[in-house]
Amino acid sequence: LQLLKRAQEQQVQPDEILLCSVISACEKSAQWQLALQLARSMHLWSLETSTAAYNAVISTTGGLWEKSVNIYEAMQSSGLQVDL
């Protein structure tokens, strides 16, 4: 999260790779809610939420299968290519 904060402080536009890295970091701290919020807010940086971002969010749920299924369904309804 510090990386994203530093990018914003230095007025660097985050890209998909940076945001997916931050989302993946949320897995280590079991912060799936934050990961989902970041994925859903990618449009704020003129980025579309990608398959990679959703996959990273699913990884953060740590076996909470109901949450994983909900994220998977949101991914499908948004028209993204599902890649398990």
Protein backbone atom coordinates (compact mmCIF):
# COMPACT_ATOMS: atom_id res chain seq x y z
CA LEU A 1 0.00 0.00 0.00
CA GLN A 2 2.94 2.29 0.63
CA LEU A 3 3.95 1.86 -3.00
CA LEU A 4 0.57 3.11 -4.21
CA LYS A 5 0.68 5.98 -1.73
CA ARG A 6 4.17 6.99 -2.91
CA ALA A 7 3.06 6.88 -6.53
CA GLN A 8 0.18 9.21 -5.73
CA GLU A 9 2.42 11.56 -3.72
CA GLN A 10 4.80 11.80 -6.68
CA GLN A 11 1.89 12.25 -9.07
CA VAL A 12 2.70 9.02 -10.89
CA GLN A 13 -0.26 7.49 -12.66
CA PRO A 14 -0.61 3.90 -11.40
CA ASP A 15 -0.94 1.25 -14.07
CA GLU A 16 -2.53 -2.19 -14.03
CA ILE A 17 0.70 -3.87 -12.96
CA LEU A 18 1.11 -1.60 -9.92
CA LEU A 19 -2.50 -1.99 -8.85
CA CYS A 20 -2.44 -5.78 -9.29
CA SER A 21 0.74 -5.86 -7.21
CA VAL A 22 -0.96 -3.90 -4.45
CA ILE A 23 -4.00 -6.18 -4.66
CA SER A 24 -1.72 -9.21 -4.39
CA ALA A 25 -0.05 -7.67 -1.34
CA CYS A 26 -3.47 -7.56 0.29
CA GLU A 27 -3.45 -11.36 0.20
CA LYS A 28 -0.56 -11.52 2.65
CA SER A 29 -2.44 -9.37 5.13
CA ALA A 30 -5.85 -11.03 4.52
CA GLN A 31 -7.42 -7.77 3.36
CA TRP A 32 -9.74 -9.07 0.64
CA GLN A 33 -12.18 -6.18 1.17
CA LEU A 34 -9.43 -3.65 0.42
CA ALA A 35 -8.32 -5.71 -2.57
CA LEU A 36 -11.85 -5.72 -3.97
CA GLN A 37 -12.20 -1.99 -3.36
CA LEU A 38 -8.95 -1.34 -5.24
CA ALA A 39 -10.04 -3.50 -8.17
CA ARG A 40 -13.41 -1.79 -8.37
CA SER A 41 -11.79 1.66 -8.23
CA MET A 42 -9.34 1.09 -11.10
CA HIS A 43 -11.55 3.32 -13.26
CA LEU A 44 -10.45 6.27 -11.10
CA TRP A 45 -7.06 5.94 -12.79
CA SER A 46 -8.65 5.47 -16.23
CA LEU A 47 -8.05 1.72 -16.06
CA GLU A 48 -10.54 -1.05 -16.63
CA THR A 49 -10.76 -3.76 -14.01
CA SER A 50 -8.99 -6.64 -15.68
CA THR A 51 -9.10 -10.41 -15.44
CA ALA A 52 -5.71 -10.22 -13.71
CA ALA A 53 -7.10 -7.85 -11.07
CA TYR A 54 -10.11 -10.06 -10.37
CA ASN A 55 -7.90 -13.15 -10.19
CA ALA A 56 -5.67 -11.35 -7.69
CA VAL A 57 -8.72 -10.41 -5.61
CA ILE A 58 -9.97 -14.01 -5.61
CA SER A 59 -6.57 -15.09 -4.30
CA THR A 60 -6.93 -12.71 -1.35
CA THR A 61 -10.10 -14.37 -0.05
CA GLY A 62 -8.03 -17.09 1.60
CA GLY A 63 -10.47 -19.94 1.13
CA LEU A 64 -13.64 -17.97 1.80
CA TRP A 65 -15.33 -19.76 -1.08
CA GLU A 66 -18.56 -17.75 -0.90
CA LYS A 67 -16.60 -14.53 -1.39
CA SER A 68 -14.61 -16.11 -4.22
CA VAL A 69 -17.83 -17.18 -5.96
CA ASN A 70 -19.30 -13.68 -5.57
CA ILE A 71 -16.19 -12.12 -7.09
CA TYR A 72 -16.20 -14.70 -9.88
CA GLU A 73 -19.84 -13.91 -10.66
CA ALA A 74 -19.11 -10.16 -10.67
CA MET A 75 -16.28 -10.85 -13.07
CA GLN A 76 -18.58 -12.80 -15.40
CA SER A 77 -21.33 -10.17 -15.26
CA SER A 78 -18.85 -7.45 -16.20
CA GLY A 79 -18.08 -9.34 -19.40
CA LEU A 80 -14.48 -10.23 -18.55
CA GLN A 81 -12.88 -13.40 -19.79
CA VAL A 82 -12.89 -15.85 -16.91
CA ASP A 83 -9.46 -17.35 -16.36
CA LEU A 84 -9.19 -19.75 -13.48
